[in-house]
Every structure is written in structure tokens, then in C-alpha cells.
Amino acid sequence: MAGFSKNDWMKHVKMGPLDVEICDVTLRDGEQTPGVSFTKEEKMEIARTLDEIGVEVIEAGFPVVSQGEKDAVKAIARMGLDAKICCLARAVKEDVDAVLDCDADIVGIFMGTSELHLKYKHKKTQEEAIDCMVTALEHAKRHGLVVRFAAEDSTRTDLEFLKRFYKAGEEAGADYVSIADTVGAMNPTTMKYLVSEIRKAVSIPVCVHCHDDLGLAVANTLAAAEAGARQLHTTVNGIGERAGNAALEEVLMGLLIHYNVDRYDTTRLKGLSDMVARYSGIAVAKNKAVVGANAFAHESGIHIAALLENDRTYELYSPELVGGSREFILGKHSGSKALCYMARQMGYTLSQAETSLILEEIKRLSDMKKSLRKEELAELISRTLTDKKLSMTKA
């Protein structure tokens, strides 16, 4: 039975319900992971699964980069998904025109706003940057696109200029403003402060796009949501440039556990994770939250004994809730209860003597840095029982 433990401490925190939507950027920012390139068919399959989960916005690509990219985005836009389709564009007319060619719903127009980006990348003043963005925004709005007005490297940008930048976008007709923590410079405290300040400056929804350079992308994303950010950007498995982005599966489970946002079909998360790992060639770490191979794996005898009584004792949520499965692994920390349970699952009923004999062998193997998964345990039990019968026959 799928279930979870809520974060009951939230009742002590003064906070209303969150008003959020997910914009998954796996097909764009995720594909910017070094060495990753999805085929059109792979992108379409990922997009379909994101849509089935209930993701509201899918950022399907950056159409101006190639004809193949444009073709893939166009194919996704014509799939008839419930999700809105978004594309990325620099603040230039050609990029916006490429998005228009793809039948997308939303364009995310961006320009770097930090002193570093303005000086060393764009070679522009603050006012020139605003003019470029507004010109591109107005072109997109004339052609009926919803516009996300994004400041790249927002979190290393002077706050007063950032407010002025977003205000110019709002006045020119932007539908969203977007905070990009491009190099993962923020922590949850500063992210909440920044989102709060920007929400005071503009009345349109705020988006957040967090990178994971310090391992805080998910925490920063949830902190932004607490501060009132509307659109949260994610990637499946957290893939993306450098250390990656906020992981979709972690954000969705965080929204469920902490804030009771329960409209997403989380049972598809493990399958989607496996799909993206396969198509990207990037293996998921065994200890990865939500979808890692060890996310619901248990070895400790104390833990397994308690889990057999009630699985909430050592699991925050059931593996079935994310499409996963529980696994008991036997090693030096395991006890007889776990061994007998696993043996029964495989059709064996062990005597006390057999249990002791097999546990002794398991602990011997563990001292050689080897734990036993189900298939290996079955082989060990079979071998032990066969050896015992042979010994009795000889006697």
C-alpha cells in the first residue's frame, strides 16, 4: 500500500498553500549536460511521460541551435499534450522567430544581467541589456507568445538593477519574470529573500531556475516556492550543465511531503528516471534520493525487523509511491529475521541450524566487502542446503 509520512512540523509554520507549477527543462538544459544528445523520438517519449505525470510546462528545446532541434520541438508541440510547450531564446529577433516556427506556447527570453555577464559576455551596459530584452519581448508578444522574461545569473546581479530589469519586462507585457541561479550561488535563506524582494517589485508570477553547484538546487527551489515563486524549473535525475539542476523527482516528492501538493502522478517517477538515464547515458547514483537503487534498500537487521512490522519505521514513503520497489540486502548487519523472511519469499523454510550456518557465511562474505542481493542469496541457500544433504548422506 503506497503511503508516506507528512512533515508534521509544518503545522507550526505560518504558511498558506503553495501556488506552483512545474516547468521541466530536461529536454533543453538537461541536454546541455556534456556528452548528452537525445534523438527526436527520445525527446517525444520523455515529453509524453512528463505530461502523464502532470508537469504543466515542458521546455522542449532551444530551436535556433539547429534544424534537428527545431524539428524535435515542432514534433513535441504537435503531440497534443496537456502541458504547455516552452522554448528558449536569446534576446534577438532570429531566436524568437525560430520559436515561432515551432508552434510553441511560451518563449523564455534571457540575457545575462550580472556585471560579469554584461561586461565579459554581452559587452553591454545595463540600459542596453534592458532595451535588447524589451525589443525581443515586444516582438514575441506581437506574435501571440506567452513570454518568460529571464535574467541569467540573476543571483549575482545587483538587486536594484534586477528589480528595474524585471519591472521593464512587466511594463512591456511579460507574463513571467525568471530568477536564474545560474552557478548555484544561493542558499535557501537568500533565495527566499530574493524571491520576496522581486515579488514586491512586480505583480506578475516569478519563476526560479536553480543549479546544483553546491548541492542546494532542490532546497533553493522549495525555499523559492515558500516565498511565493510560481514556476519551478526541474530536470529528471537532476541532469544539466556542470553539477546539474533541481531534480524533478525530489522536487515533486518534497512538494508532496512538506506542502501536500498531491496532483502529480509520482508513481511514474522511477520509470521516467530509468528512461532518462538510458537515453542520456548518465547512470543514476545508487544513493540518489527517490530513484536510486538504494533508495529503498535495507541491510541492517534492526531496520528490516522493524520494516516487516510497519514499513513507515524506516521509510518516509513507500517505494510504490514513486514506482520503485523495496529490497532487503544481507550483509554483516543483517539478522536471522531478515534471512528467514527472504528465504520464505524464495520458497525455503530454514531451520535454526541452517539459519545460523547461512548467517555465518553471509558475515564471512561481508568481511570481504560483499553484500548479498536476492539472486546471490538464493544461490547461497541452495548451495548450503545441498552441501548439508551431501554431508548427511556421507555420514
Protein backbone atom coordinates (compact mmCIF):
# COMPACT_ATOMS: atom_id res chain seq x y z
CA MET A 1 0.00 0.00 0.00
CA ALA A 2 1.56 3.28 -1.10
CA GLY A 3 1.78 5.86 1.65
CA PHE A 4 4.01 8.47 3.24
CA SER A 5 4.71 10.34 6.45
CA LYS A 6 3.90 14.03 6.27
CA ASN A 7 6.23 16.63 7.71
CA ASP A 8 4.04 17.37 10.73
CA TRP A 9 6.36 20.17 11.80
CA MET A 10 4.83 22.28 9.03
CA LYS A 11 1.78 22.83 11.26
CA HIS A 12 3.99 25.02 13.45
CA VAL A 13 4.94 27.22 10.48
CA LYS A 14 2.66 30.04 9.37
CA MET A 15 2.25 29.45 5.66
CA GLY A 16 -0.66 29.23 3.25
CA PRO A 17 -0.96 26.62 0.49
CA LEU A 18 1.58 26.85 -2.30
CA ASP A 19 0.52 28.06 -5.75
CA VAL A 20 3.09 26.42 -8.01
CA GLU A 21 3.56 24.82 -11.41
CA ILE A 22 6.44 22.75 -12.75
CA CYS A 23 8.42 23.67 -15.84
CA ASP A 24 10.65 20.71 -16.63
CA VAL A 25 13.73 21.63 -18.66
CA THR A 26 15.24 18.15 -19.17
CA LEU A 27 14.92 18.40 -22.95
CA ARG A 28 16.81 21.69 -23.03
CA ASP A 29 19.04 22.28 -20.01
CA GLY A 30 19.31 18.55 -19.34
CA GLU A 31 20.56 18.05 -22.87
CA GLN A 32 23.24 20.66 -22.23
CA THR A 33 24.91 18.11 -19.98
CA PRO A 34 28.31 17.40 -21.58
CA GLY A 35 28.03 14.38 -23.85
CA VAL A 36 24.21 14.19 -23.85
CA SER A 37 22.11 14.37 -27.01
CA PHE A 38 18.58 13.00 -27.27
CA THR A 39 17.01 11.85 -30.53
CA LYS A 40 13.68 13.34 -31.59
CA GLU A 41 11.91 10.10 -30.69
CA GLU A 42 13.55 10.01 -27.25
CA LYS A 43 12.53 13.60 -26.60
CA MET A 44 8.96 12.82 -27.58
CA GLU A 45 8.82 9.82 -25.23
CA ILE A 46 10.24 11.84 -22.34
CA ALA A 47 7.78 14.67 -23.07
CA ARG A 48 4.84 12.25 -23.12
CA THR A 49 5.81 10.82 -19.73
CA LEU A 50 6.29 14.28 -18.22
CA ASP A 51 2.81 15.12 -19.46
CA GLU A 52 1.37 11.94 -17.94
CA ILE A 53 2.93 12.86 -14.59
CA GLY A 54 1.12 16.20 -14.77
CA VAL A 55 4.01 18.59 -15.44
CA GLU A 56 2.41 21.86 -16.55
CA VAL A 57 5.17 23.23 -18.78
CA ILE A 58 7.77 21.34 -20.82
CA GLU A 59 10.77 23.30 -22.09
CA ALA A 60 11.32 21.35 -25.28
CA GLY A 61 14.50 22.93 -26.60
CA PHE A 62 16.46 25.87 -28.00
CA PRO A 63 15.23 25.95 -31.63
CA VAL A 64 17.80 28.32 -33.07
CA VAL A 65 20.73 25.95 -32.40
CA SER A 66 19.97 23.52 -35.25
CA GLN A 67 17.36 22.30 -37.70
CA GLY A 68 17.22 18.99 -35.84
CA GLU A 69 16.45 20.81 -32.59
CA LYS A 70 13.72 22.79 -34.31
CA ASP A 71 12.19 19.65 -35.83
CA ALA A 72 12.12 17.91 -32.44
CA VAL A 73 10.47 20.87 -30.72
CA LYS A 74 7.91 21.16 -33.51
CA ALA A 75 7.09 17.45 -33.22
CA ILE A 76 6.57 17.78 -29.45
CA ALA A 77 4.39 20.87 -29.91
CA ARG A 78 2.15 18.86 -32.24
CA MET A 79 1.72 15.88 -29.89
CA GLY A 80 -1.44 17.32 -28.37
CA LEU A 81 -0.13 17.23 -24.82
CA ASP A 82 -1.89 18.94 -21.93
CA ALA A 83 1.41 20.58 -20.95
CA LYS A 84 2.32 23.94 -22.45
CA ILE A 85 5.41 23.81 -24.65
CA CYS A 86 8.17 26.32 -23.98
CA CYS A 87 11.34 27.16 -25.90
CA LEU A 88 14.42 29.16 -25.06
CA ALA A 89 15.56 32.25 -26.97
CA ARG A 90 18.25 34.84 -26.60
CA ALA A 91 17.15 38.46 -26.75
CA VAL A 92 17.43 38.61 -30.54
CA LYS A 93 14.72 38.55 -33.23
CA GLU A 94 16.14 35.47 -35.00
CA ASP A 95 15.84 33.36 -31.86
CA VAL A 96 12.24 34.42 -31.28
CA ASP A 97 11.41 33.72 -34.93
CA ALA A 98 12.82 30.20 -34.55
CA VAL A 99 10.47 29.65 -31.61
CA LEU A 100 7.53 30.94 -33.65
CA ASP A 101 8.36 28.39 -36.36
CA CYS A 102 7.90 25.60 -33.79
CA ASP A 103 4.30 26.35 -32.75
CA ALA A 104 5.36 26.66 -29.11
CA ASP A 105 3.16 28.29 -26.47
CA ILE A 106 5.82 30.02 -24.39
CA VAL A 107 9.20 31.58 -25.06
CA GLY A 108 11.79 32.06 -22.35
CA ILE A 109 13.81 35.10 -23.45
CA PHE A 110 17.02 35.56 -21.49
CA MET A 111 20.05 37.78 -21.11
CA GLY A 112 22.82 37.84 -18.52
CA THR A 113 22.36 40.68 -16.05
CA SER A 114 25.30 40.35 -13.67
CA GLU A 115 28.25 42.67 -14.07
CA LEU A 116 30.30 39.64 -15.11
CA HIS A 117 27.93 38.74 -17.94
CA LEU A 118 27.30 42.29 -19.10
CA LYS A 119 31.00 43.14 -19.20
CA TYR A 120 32.61 39.95 -20.43
CA LYS A 121 29.90 38.22 -22.46
CA HIS A 122 27.44 40.78 -23.81
CA LYS A 123 29.70 43.87 -23.81
CA LYS A 124 26.62 45.94 -22.96
CA THR A 125 25.51 48.45 -20.36
CA GLN A 126 22.57 47.79 -18.07
CA GLU A 127 20.32 50.04 -20.16
CA GLU A 128 21.37 48.36 -23.40
CA ALA A 129 20.53 44.99 -21.89
CA ILE A 130 17.05 46.17 -20.92
CA ASP A 131 16.49 47.62 -24.41
CA CYS A 132 17.51 44.33 -26.08
CA MET A 133 15.22 42.30 -23.85
CA VAL A 134 12.24 44.61 -24.27
CA THR A 135 12.64 44.66 -28.06
CA ALA A 136 12.68 40.85 -28.21
CA LEU A 137 9.77 40.66 -25.76
CA GLU A 138 7.63 43.03 -27.81
CA HIS A 139 8.33 41.04 -30.98
CA ALA A 140 7.25 37.82 -29.25
CA LYS A 141 4.09 39.39 -27.82
CA ARG A 142 3.08 40.78 -31.22
CA HIS A 143 3.05 37.19 -32.47
CA GLY A 144 0.98 35.84 -29.59
CA LEU A 145 3.60 34.09 -27.46
CA VAL A 146 3.49 33.90 -23.69
CA VAL A 147 6.81 35.39 -22.53
CA ARG A 148 9.06 34.45 -19.63
CA PHE A 149 11.44 37.37 -19.06
CA ALA A 150 14.62 35.84 -17.64
CA ALA A 151 17.74 37.34 -16.10
CA GLU A 152 20.62 34.90 -16.50
CA ASP A 153 22.94 34.96 -13.48
CA SER A 154 20.23 36.80 -11.54
CA THR A 155 21.72 35.76 -8.23
CA ARG A 156 24.98 37.60 -8.85
CA THR A 157 23.19 40.71 -10.13
CA ASP A 158 22.79 43.98 -8.24
CA LEU A 159 19.34 43.83 -6.61
CA GLU A 160 18.20 47.32 -7.59
CA PHE A 161 19.13 46.74 -11.23
CA LEU A 162 17.45 43.35 -11.15
CA LYS A 163 14.22 44.94 -9.91
CA ARG A 164 14.43 47.58 -12.63
CA PHE A 165 15.13 44.91 -15.26
CA TYR A 166 12.09 42.84 -14.26
CA LYS A 167 9.88 45.93 -13.96
CA ALA A 168 10.78 46.90 -17.53
CA GLY A 169 9.74 43.43 -18.63
CA GLU A 170 6.43 43.62 -16.79
CA GLU A 171 5.64 47.04 -18.26
CA ALA A 172 6.42 45.74 -21.76
CA GLY A 173 3.97 42.85 -21.36
CA ALA A 174 5.95 39.92 -19.92
CA ASP A 175 3.84 37.14 -18.42
CA TYR A 176 6.53 35.85 -16.03
CA VAL A 177 9.87 37.03 -14.72
CA SER A 178 12.51 34.38 -14.08
CA ILE A 179 15.26 34.20 -11.48
CA ALA A 180 18.15 32.05 -12.68
CA ASP A 181 20.65 30.85 -10.08
CA THR A 182 22.98 30.10 -12.96
CA VAL A 183 26.00 28.95 -10.96
CA GLY A 184 24.21 27.69 -7.85
CA ALA A 185 25.32 30.61 -5.70
CA MET A 186 22.29 30.76 -3.40
CA ASN A 187 21.15 29.09 -0.21
CA PRO A 188 17.53 28.71 0.95
CA THR A 189 17.65 31.80 3.16
CA THR A 190 18.94 34.13 0.47
CA MET A 191 16.66 32.58 -2.16
CA LYS A 192 13.58 33.27 -0.03
CA TYR A 193 14.76 36.84 0.46
CA LEU A 194 15.38 37.42 -3.26
CA VAL A 195 12.04 35.98 -4.36
CA SER A 196 10.25 38.07 -1.74
CA GLU A 197 12.00 41.23 -2.95
CA ILE A 198 11.21 40.56 -6.61
CA ARG A 199 7.56 39.84 -5.78
CA LYS A 200 7.40 43.29 -4.17
CA ALA A 201 8.80 44.83 -7.35
CA VAL A 202 6.48 43.15 -9.89
CA SER A 203 2.95 41.78 -9.83
CA ILE A 204 3.41 39.01 -12.44
CA PRO A 205 4.44 35.44 -11.47
CA VAL A 206 8.05 34.65 -10.58
CA CYS A 207 9.93 31.59 -11.90
CA VAL A 208 13.04 30.03 -10.38
CA HIS A 209 15.73 28.06 -12.17
CA CYS A 210 18.26 26.59 -9.74
CA HIS A 211 21.59 24.90 -10.45
CA ASP A 212 23.20 22.40 -8.09
CA ASP A 213 26.82 23.55 -7.80
CA LEU A 214 26.64 23.35 -4.00
CA GLY A 215 24.02 20.59 -3.82
CA LEU A 216 21.27 23.07 -2.88
CA ALA A 217 19.18 23.24 -6.06
CA VAL A 218 16.18 21.36 -4.65
CA ALA A 219 16.33 23.14 -1.28
CA ASN A 220 16.57 26.51 -3.02
CA THR A 221 13.67 25.64 -5.31
CA LEU A 222 11.42 24.69 -2.39
CA ALA A 223 12.51 27.80 -0.48
CA ALA A 224 11.55 29.90 -3.50
CA ALA A 225 8.14 28.22 -3.56
CA GLU A 226 7.67 29.09 0.11
CA ALA A 227 8.44 32.72 -0.74
CA GLY A 228 5.78 32.73 -3.46
CA ALA A 229 7.56 31.68 -6.65
CA ARG A 230 5.02 30.25 -9.09
CA GLN A 231 7.01 28.30 -11.69
CA LEU A 232 9.66 25.84 -10.51
CA HIS A 233 12.22 24.54 -13.01
CA THR A 234 13.44 20.93 -12.81
CA THR A 235 15.23 18.21 -14.74
CA VAL A 236 14.78 14.45 -14.48
CA ASN A 237 17.55 12.96 -12.31
CA GLY A 238 18.87 16.50 -11.85
CA ILE A 239 20.91 16.33 -15.07
CA GLY A 240 22.18 19.56 -16.58
CA GLU A 241 25.27 21.66 -17.07
CA ARG A 242 28.11 21.11 -14.59
CA ALA A 243 26.55 19.73 -11.38
CA GLY A 244 23.04 19.81 -12.84
CA ASN A 245 19.68 21.25 -11.84
CA ALA A 246 16.92 20.70 -9.30
CA ALA A 247 15.79 17.08 -9.70
CA LEU A 248 12.15 16.70 -10.75
CA GLU A 249 11.62 13.61 -8.62
CA GLU A 250 12.98 15.29 -5.49
CA VAL A 251 11.02 18.49 -6.02
CA LEU A 252 7.73 16.62 -6.58
CA MET A 253 8.21 14.44 -3.51
CA GLY A 254 9.24 17.49 -1.49
CA LEU A 255 6.06 19.27 -2.58
CA LEU A 256 4.01 16.25 -1.50
CA ILE A 257 5.66 15.53 1.85
CA HIS A 258 6.10 19.11 3.05
CA TYR A 259 3.27 21.05 1.40
CA ASN A 260 0.63 18.45 0.48
CA VAL A 261 0.81 19.23 -3.25
CA ASP A 262 -0.59 15.91 -4.43
CA ARG A 263 -1.76 16.45 -8.02
CA TYR A 264 1.26 14.84 -9.72
CA ASP A 265 1.40 11.14 -10.62
CA THR A 266 4.55 10.30 -8.72
CA THR A 267 4.20 6.57 -9.48
CA ARG A 268 5.82 7.23 -12.86
CA LEU A 269 8.97 8.84 -11.46
CA LYS A 270 11.17 5.73 -11.29
CA GLY A 271 10.24 4.67 -14.82
CA LEU A 272 10.97 8.16 -16.15
CA SER A 273 14.26 8.25 -14.26
CA ASP A 274 15.32 4.94 -15.80
CA MET A 275 14.30 6.17 -19.25
CA VAL A 276 16.33 9.38 -18.99
CA ALA A 277 19.33 7.50 -17.57
CA ARG A 278 19.19 5.12 -20.51
CA TYR A 279 18.78 7.80 -23.17
CA SER A 280 21.32 10.20 -21.66
CA GLY A 281 23.91 7.57 -20.81
CA ILE A 282 24.22 9.09 -17.33
CA ALA A 283 23.84 6.47 -14.61
CA VAL A 284 21.84 7.37 -11.51
CA ALA A 285 23.86 7.22 -8.30
CA LYS A 286 22.85 4.27 -6.12
CA ASN A 287 22.21 6.56 -3.16
CA LYS A 288 20.22 9.10 -5.20
CA ALA A 289 17.11 10.24 -3.37
CA VAL A 290 13.75 8.92 -4.63
CA VAL A 291 15.02 6.91 -7.62
CA GLY A 292 18.45 5.50 -6.71
CA ALA A 293 18.96 1.73 -6.48
CA ASN A 294 19.48 2.02 -2.71
CA ALA A 295 16.60 4.43 -2.05
CA PHE A 296 14.56 1.54 -0.62
CA ALA A 297 17.34 -0.98 0.04
CA HIS A 298 17.90 -2.16 3.62
CA GLU A 299 20.63 -4.27 5.21
CA SER A 300 20.50 -3.60 8.95
CA GLY A 301 18.82 -6.40 10.88
CA ILE A 302 17.26 -3.91 13.29
CA HIS A 303 15.81 -1.89 10.42
CA ILE A 304 14.49 -4.90 8.49
CA ALA A 305 12.84 -6.39 11.57
CA ALA A 306 11.00 -3.10 12.15
CA LEU A 307 10.10 -2.70 8.47
CA LEU A 308 8.48 -6.12 8.47
CA GLU A 309 6.16 -4.86 11.21
CA ASN A 310 5.48 -1.41 9.69
CA ASP A 311 7.30 -0.02 6.67
CA ARG A 312 6.98 3.59 7.87
CA THR A 313 9.53 2.82 10.62
CA TYR A 314 12.45 3.25 8.24
CA GLU A 315 10.87 4.64 5.05
CA LEU A 316 9.49 8.16 4.73
CA TYR A 317 7.30 7.00 1.85
CA SER A 318 6.51 3.70 0.18
CA PRO A 319 8.55 2.72 -2.88
CA GLU A 320 5.29 2.10 -4.76
CA LEU A 321 4.52 5.81 -4.46
CA VAL A 322 7.37 6.58 -6.88
CA GLY A 323 7.18 3.39 -8.93
CA GLY A 324 10.06 1.77 -7.07
CA SER A 325 10.43 -1.43 -5.07
CA ARG A 326 11.83 -2.38 -1.68
CA GLU A 327 14.92 -4.59 -1.45
CA PHE A 328 16.46 -6.34 1.52
CA ILE A 329 20.19 -6.95 1.21
CA LEU A 330 22.00 -9.30 3.54
CA GLY A 331 25.37 -8.36 4.99
CA LYS A 332 27.21 -8.24 8.29
CA HIS A 333 24.50 -6.03 9.84
CA SER A 334 21.70 -8.49 8.99
CA GLY A 335 19.92 -10.80 11.41
CA SER A 336 18.01 -14.06 11.37
CA LYS A 337 14.60 -12.42 10.94
CA ALA A 338 15.63 -10.81 7.66
CA LEU A 339 17.25 -14.00 6.42
CA CYS A 340 14.23 -16.17 7.23
CA TYR A 341 11.86 -13.66 5.62
CA MET A 342 13.89 -13.53 2.40
CA ALA A 343 14.27 -17.32 2.38
CA ARG A 344 10.49 -17.75 2.69
CA GLN A 345 10.00 -15.35 -0.22
CA MET A 346 12.13 -17.72 -2.29
CA GLY A 347 10.32 -20.84 -1.12
CA TYR A 348 12.73 -22.02 1.59
CA THR A 349 11.90 -22.75 5.21
CA LEU A 350 15.13 -22.75 7.20
CA SER A 351 15.77 -24.50 10.48
CA GLN A 352 17.55 -22.64 13.27
CA ALA A 353 20.76 -24.53 12.48
CA GLU A 354 20.52 -23.73 8.78
CA THR A 355 19.82 -20.09 9.56
CA SER A 356 22.90 -19.88 11.79
CA LEU A 357 25.06 -21.59 9.18
CA ILE A 358 23.96 -19.28 6.37
CA LEU A 359 24.26 -16.15 8.52
CA GLU A 360 27.80 -17.15 9.41
CA GLU A 361 28.66 -17.43 5.71
CA ILE A 362 26.96 -14.08 4.96
CA LYS A 363 29.03 -12.35 7.63
CA ARG A 364 32.20 -14.03 6.33
CA LEU A 365 31.45 -12.70 2.85
CA SER A 366 30.69 -9.28 4.30
CA ASP A 367 34.14 -9.13 5.84
CA MET A 368 35.38 -9.47 2.27
CA LYS A 369 33.28 -6.36 1.38
CA LYS A 370 30.48 -8.28 -0.26
CA SER A 371 26.76 -7.94 0.48
CA LEU A 372 24.19 -10.33 -0.97
CA ARG A 373 21.23 -9.31 -3.07
CA LYS A 374 18.30 -11.66 -3.69
CA GLU A 375 19.79 -13.73 -6.53
CA GLU A 376 23.09 -14.25 -4.70
CA LEU A 377 21.28 -15.23 -1.51
CA ALA A 378 19.22 -17.83 -3.38
CA GLU A 379 22.42 -19.36 -4.71
CA LEU A 380 23.99 -19.41 -1.24
CA ILE A 381 20.94 -21.03 0.38
CA SER A 382 20.72 -23.66 -2.35
CA ARG A 383 24.43 -24.43 -2.08
CA THR A 384 24.34 -24.60 1.72
CA LEU A 385 21.34 -26.92 1.82
CA THR A 386 22.84 -29.14 -0.88
CA ASP A 387 26.15 -29.36 1.00
CA LYS A 388 24.27 -30.20 4.19
CA LYS A 389 22.36 -33.05 2.50
CA LEU A 390 25.56 -34.43 0.99
CA SER A 391 27.22 -34.31 4.40
CA MET A 392 24.30 -36.15 5.98
CA THR A 393 24.35 -38.78 3.19
CA LYS A 394 28.06 -39.42 3.69
CA ALA A 395 27.54 -39.72 7.41
